Amino acid sequence: MLHRHDLGRPMFALSGILLGCIGLWWRDFAGVWQPLDNLGDFNRPLVAMLYAIVFLAAGAASVWRASAGFALLVLALLHLLAALGWIPRAIGHNAWTGLFEMLSLTIAGVVGFASLNQPRSWASRTVQIGRVLFAICLLVFGISHFFFSAETAQMVPGWLPGGQLFWAYATGAVYILAGVAIAVDYRGALAAYVTVAMIILIQVMVWLPMLIAKQENFTWSGNAITFAIAAATWVVGDAIAAPANSGAMKT
């Protein structure tokens, strides 16, 4: 039976299942978000399918609490591999947002694992460290909306009132405010849940129309990664809101 502070985990599990299915269907990694080819020379289709199979299995295992602990760590490791693949891009092409997107998913997997082991002291400490690291990721997302406002604005539907640039700045501001709130743990859970709602709205208004218009690896992967980041934020929000974590903060 799911606890009300454990609803993010099955969503994060579902994102892993979706990424696994995408990898198996396309026999490739998830668009530009999983640049594992930067880690070395290998048989890309074969490794991509093996990577997808592990994603699918770990995602499915994360649904059930009994097997979720190990499975969440596996998901974290898979996302970490993608993050490592982003390092050459980040250094060479200033593509830091993609790196921190994958790091946010890695952190959420570890936080989810630790949440299952509360109120043990090491688990509470892990949640607190993960909370701060995840907040840094949100800050990077928000700052990128201001540094790359023109590129972000291009993705905003033109029919929204206020103009595309306004919404690029507004969503960036929400990321930054949420990052600060989570970092200092002032209404951190609420900030995380508001961010989840915003990311889901972004998916509905930006990524789903792209998928409907053109069904390809990129659009499927963009939807899967966006959903995964929303789920990851939900996991962190649940960890902050959990009674065991609240108790740990007071001692």
Protein backbone atom coordinates (compact mmCIF):
# COMPACT_ATOMS: atom_id res chain seq x y z
CA MET A 1 0.00 0.00 0.00
CA LEU A 2 1.38 3.43 -0.98
CA HIS A 3 1.99 6.03 1.72
CA ARG A 4 0.97 9.58 0.84
CA HIS A 5 4.65 10.58 1.08
CA ASP A 6 5.63 7.81 -1.31
CA LEU A 7 3.68 8.74 -4.44
CA GLY A 8 6.67 10.09 -6.33
CA ARG A 9 8.44 6.72 -6.34
CA PRO A 10 5.99 4.89 -8.65
CA MET A 11 6.07 7.93 -10.98
CA PHE A 12 9.88 7.75 -11.05
CA ALA A 13 9.58 4.02 -11.66
CA LEU A 14 7.22 4.66 -14.56
CA SER A 15 9.73 7.06 -16.10
CA GLY A 16 12.34 4.31 -16.00
CA ILE A 17 9.95 1.89 -17.66
CA LEU A 18 9.18 4.48 -20.35
CA LEU A 19 12.87 5.13 -21.04
CA GLY A 20 13.43 1.39 -21.28
CA CYS A 21 10.60 0.98 -23.76
CA ILE A 22 11.89 3.87 -25.88
CA GLY A 23 15.35 2.37 -25.97
CA LEU A 24 14.05 -1.03 -27.01
CA TRP A 25 11.68 0.36 -29.64
CA TRP A 26 14.26 2.62 -31.28
CA ARG A 27 17.26 0.41 -30.47
CA ASP A 28 19.06 3.55 -29.37
CA PHE A 29 19.63 5.83 -26.42
CA ALA A 30 17.08 8.48 -25.47
CA GLY A 31 17.71 11.25 -27.97
CA VAL A 32 20.35 13.75 -26.91
CA TRP A 33 19.80 13.06 -23.22
CA GLN A 34 21.82 9.84 -22.97
CA PRO A 35 25.15 10.54 -24.74
CA LEU A 36 26.84 7.35 -23.60
CA ASP A 37 28.80 7.24 -26.85
CA ASN A 38 31.01 9.93 -25.27
CA LEU A 39 32.21 7.31 -22.79
CA GLY A 40 33.99 5.18 -25.39
CA ASP A 41 33.73 3.14 -28.56
CA PHE A 42 31.21 0.30 -28.47
CA ASN A 43 28.45 -1.36 -30.45
CA ARG A 44 25.85 1.40 -29.99
CA PRO A 45 22.66 -0.56 -30.88
CA LEU A 46 23.66 -3.50 -28.67
CA VAL A 47 24.68 -1.39 -25.68
CA ALA A 48 21.63 0.84 -26.08
CA MET A 49 19.32 -2.18 -25.96
CA LEU A 50 21.08 -3.63 -22.91
CA TYR A 51 20.89 -0.21 -21.26
CA ALA A 52 17.16 -0.07 -22.07
CA ILE A 53 16.53 -3.57 -20.70
CA VAL A 54 18.13 -2.64 -17.38
CA PHE A 55 16.08 0.58 -17.32
CA LEU A 56 12.91 -1.39 -17.93
CA ALA A 57 13.71 -3.98 -15.26
CA ALA A 58 14.81 -1.42 -12.66
CA GLY A 59 11.77 0.74 -13.34
CA ALA A 60 9.43 -2.21 -12.93
CA ALA A 61 11.16 -3.32 -9.73
CA SER A 62 10.92 0.22 -8.31
CA VAL A 63 7.12 0.03 -8.37
CA TRP A 64 7.08 -2.48 -5.48
CA ARG A 65 8.42 -1.23 -2.18
CA ALA A 66 10.03 -4.57 -1.36
CA SER A 67 12.32 -4.40 -4.39
CA ALA A 68 12.44 -0.63 -4.81
CA GLY A 69 15.57 0.02 -2.75
CA PHE A 70 18.08 -1.74 -4.97
CA ALA A 71 16.13 -0.85 -8.12
CA LEU A 72 16.24 2.88 -7.34
CA LEU A 73 20.01 2.70 -6.95
CA VAL A 74 20.21 0.98 -10.34
CA LEU A 75 18.14 3.76 -11.89
CA ALA A 76 20.43 6.30 -10.24
CA LEU A 77 23.47 4.54 -11.72
CA LEU A 78 21.93 4.46 -15.19
CA HIS A 79 21.22 8.19 -15.05
CA LEU A 80 24.74 8.79 -13.69
CA LEU A 81 26.20 7.10 -16.77
CA ALA A 82 24.21 9.52 -18.91
CA ALA A 83 25.47 12.41 -16.76
CA LEU A 84 29.07 11.32 -17.32
CA GLY A 85 28.39 11.34 -21.04
CA TRP A 86 27.33 14.98 -20.73
CA ILE A 87 30.61 16.15 -19.20
CA PRO A 88 32.46 16.59 -22.56
CA ARG A 89 29.44 18.51 -23.90
CA ALA A 90 29.24 20.69 -20.80
CA ILE A 91 32.93 21.56 -20.92
CA GLY A 92 33.23 21.88 -24.69
CA HIS A 93 29.86 23.41 -25.57
CA ASN A 94 28.63 25.03 -22.32
CA ALA A 95 25.78 22.49 -22.20
CA TRP A 96 25.49 22.46 -18.41
CA THR A 97 21.72 22.16 -18.29
CA GLY A 98 21.73 18.68 -19.82
CA LEU A 99 24.38 17.57 -17.34
CA PHE A 100 22.38 18.81 -14.37
CA GLU A 101 19.18 17.27 -15.73
CA MET A 102 20.83 13.85 -15.58
CA LEU A 103 22.38 14.63 -12.19
CA SER A 104 18.94 15.57 -10.84
CA LEU A 105 17.65 12.13 -11.85
CA THR A 106 20.67 10.48 -10.27
CA ILE A 107 20.16 12.37 -7.02
CA ALA A 108 16.45 11.53 -6.95
CA GLY A 109 17.20 7.82 -7.24
CA VAL A 110 19.55 7.99 -4.25
CA VAL A 111 17.12 10.13 -2.25
CA GLY A 112 14.32 7.69 -3.04
CA PHE A 113 16.47 4.80 -1.81
CA ALA A 114 17.35 6.65 1.39
CA SER A 115 13.71 7.54 2.00
CA LEU A 116 12.83 3.87 2.10
CA ASN A 117 15.34 3.39 4.92
CA GLN A 118 14.27 6.21 7.21
CA PRO A 119 14.38 6.90 10.15
CA ARG A 120 17.91 5.45 10.15
CA SER A 121 20.39 8.26 10.76
CA TRP A 122 22.45 7.65 7.61
CA ALA A 123 19.28 7.70 5.53
CA SER A 124 18.13 11.02 7.01
CA ARG A 125 21.57 12.53 6.36
CA THR A 126 21.49 11.25 2.80
CA VAL A 127 18.09 12.85 2.24
CA GLN A 128 19.37 16.18 3.59
CA ILE A 129 22.46 16.12 1.37
CA GLY A 130 20.38 15.03 -1.61
CA ARG A 131 17.89 17.82 -0.95
CA VAL A 132 20.62 20.45 -1.22
CA LEU A 133 22.21 18.86 -4.31
CA PHE A 134 18.83 18.62 -6.02
CA ALA A 135 18.16 22.26 -5.19
CA ILE A 136 21.38 23.18 -6.99
CA CYS A 137 20.08 21.38 -10.07
CA LEU A 138 16.86 23.42 -9.96
CA LEU A 139 18.89 26.61 -9.63
CA VAL A 140 20.86 25.66 -12.74
CA PHE A 141 17.60 24.99 -14.63
CA GLY A 142 16.30 28.40 -13.62
CA ILE A 143 19.49 30.30 -14.43
CA SER A 144 19.64 28.64 -17.84
CA HIS A 145 16.21 30.11 -18.65
CA PHE A 146 17.73 33.57 -18.23
CA PHE A 147 21.07 32.89 -19.93
CA PHE A 148 19.38 31.10 -22.84
CA SER A 149 16.13 33.04 -22.79
CA ALA A 150 15.82 33.25 -26.58
CA GLU A 151 16.18 29.49 -27.02
CA THR A 152 13.79 28.81 -24.14
CA ALA A 153 11.23 31.29 -25.47
CA GLN A 154 11.16 29.49 -28.82
CA MET A 155 9.68 26.45 -27.09
CA VAL A 156 6.86 28.43 -25.43
CA PRO A 157 3.51 28.22 -27.28
CA GLY A 158 2.87 31.49 -29.06
CA TRP A 159 -0.80 31.56 -28.00
CA LEU A 160 0.01 32.05 -24.31
CA PRO A 161 -0.77 35.58 -23.09
CA GLY A 162 2.15 37.72 -22.02
CA GLY A 163 4.54 36.65 -24.74
CA GLN A 164 7.00 33.80 -25.05
CA LEU A 165 9.90 35.62 -23.39
CA PHE A 166 7.80 36.38 -20.33
CA TRP A 167 7.08 32.70 -19.77
CA ALA A 168 10.71 31.78 -20.31
CA TYR A 169 11.64 34.15 -17.49
CA ALA A 170 8.65 33.19 -15.32
CA THR A 171 9.38 29.46 -15.39
CA GLY A 172 13.05 30.20 -14.76
CA ALA A 173 12.07 32.25 -11.72
CA VAL A 174 9.94 29.38 -10.38
CA TYR A 175 12.90 27.01 -10.68
CA ILE A 176 15.15 29.46 -8.84
CA LEU A 177 12.66 30.18 -6.06
CA ALA A 178 11.97 26.47 -5.63
CA GLY A 179 15.68 25.73 -5.55
CA VAL A 180 16.24 28.28 -2.80
CA ALA A 181 13.23 27.05 -0.79
CA ILE A 182 14.37 23.43 -1.02
CA ALA A 183 17.99 24.30 -0.23
CA VAL A 184 17.10 26.14 2.99
CA ASP A 185 14.17 23.77 3.67
CA TYR A 186 11.61 26.55 3.97
CA ARG A 187 8.37 25.04 2.66
CA GLY A 188 10.64 22.77 0.65
CA ALA A 189 8.05 20.08 0.01
CA LEU A 190 5.50 22.64 -1.20
CA ALA A 191 8.13 24.19 -3.48
CA ALA A 192 8.90 20.78 -4.93
CA TYR A 193 5.24 19.97 -5.58
CA VAL A 194 4.64 23.35 -7.24
CA THR A 195 7.64 22.65 -9.47
CA VAL A 196 6.20 19.23 -10.33
CA ALA A 197 2.96 20.88 -11.43
CA MET A 198 4.88 23.39 -13.56
CA ILE A 199 6.97 20.72 -15.25
CA ILE A 200 3.86 18.67 -16.04
CA LEU A 201 2.24 21.78 -17.55
CA ILE A 202 5.38 22.32 -19.65
CA GLN A 203 5.13 18.74 -20.84
CA VAL A 204 1.45 19.09 -21.74
CA MET A 205 1.87 22.41 -23.55
CA VAL A 206 5.29 21.89 -25.16
CA TRP A 207 6.43 18.29 -25.41
CA LEU A 208 3.14 16.47 -26.00
CA PRO A 209 2.22 18.65 -29.01
CA MET A 210 5.69 17.99 -30.43
CA LEU A 211 5.12 14.26 -30.01
CA ILE A 212 1.70 14.42 -31.64
CA ALA A 213 3.15 16.37 -34.56
CA LYS A 214 6.12 14.05 -35.08
CA GLN A 215 6.64 10.69 -33.41
CA GLU A 216 10.37 10.05 -33.35
CA ASN A 217 13.07 9.17 -30.84
CA PHE A 218 13.66 12.83 -29.95
CA THR A 219 10.05 13.70 -29.14
CA TRP A 220 9.41 10.46 -27.26
CA SER A 221 12.65 10.90 -25.31
CA GLY A 222 11.92 14.56 -24.58
CA ASN A 223 8.58 13.59 -23.08
CA ALA A 224 10.13 10.76 -21.09
CA ILE A 225 12.93 12.92 -19.67
CA THR A 226 10.54 15.76 -18.83
CA PHE A 227 8.27 13.31 -17.02
CA ALA A 228 11.29 11.79 -15.27
CA ILE A 229 12.41 15.20 -13.97
CA ALA A 230 8.88 15.89 -12.72
CA ALA A 231 8.86 12.50 -11.00
CA ALA A 232 12.33 13.11 -9.56
CA THR A 233 11.17 16.42 -8.09
CA TRP A 234 8.16 14.61 -6.64
CA VAL A 235 10.45 12.03 -5.02
CA VAL A 236 12.49 14.78 -3.38
CA GLY A 237 9.33 16.55 -2.24
CA ASP A 238 8.06 13.33 -0.68
CA ALA A 239 11.39 12.83 1.09
CA ILE A 240 11.25 16.33 2.57
CA ALA A 241 7.62 15.90 3.64
CA ALA A 242 8.10 12.47 5.21
CA PRO A 243 7.52 12.51 9.01
CA ALA A 244 10.84 10.70 9.63
CA ASN A 245 12.69 13.43 7.78
CA SER A 246 10.86 16.18 9.65
CA GLY A 247 11.83 14.55 12.90
CA ALA A 248 15.42 14.29 11.82
CA MET A 249 15.50 18.04 11.09
CA LYS A 250 14.39 18.87 14.62
CA THR A 251 17.02 16.79 16.41
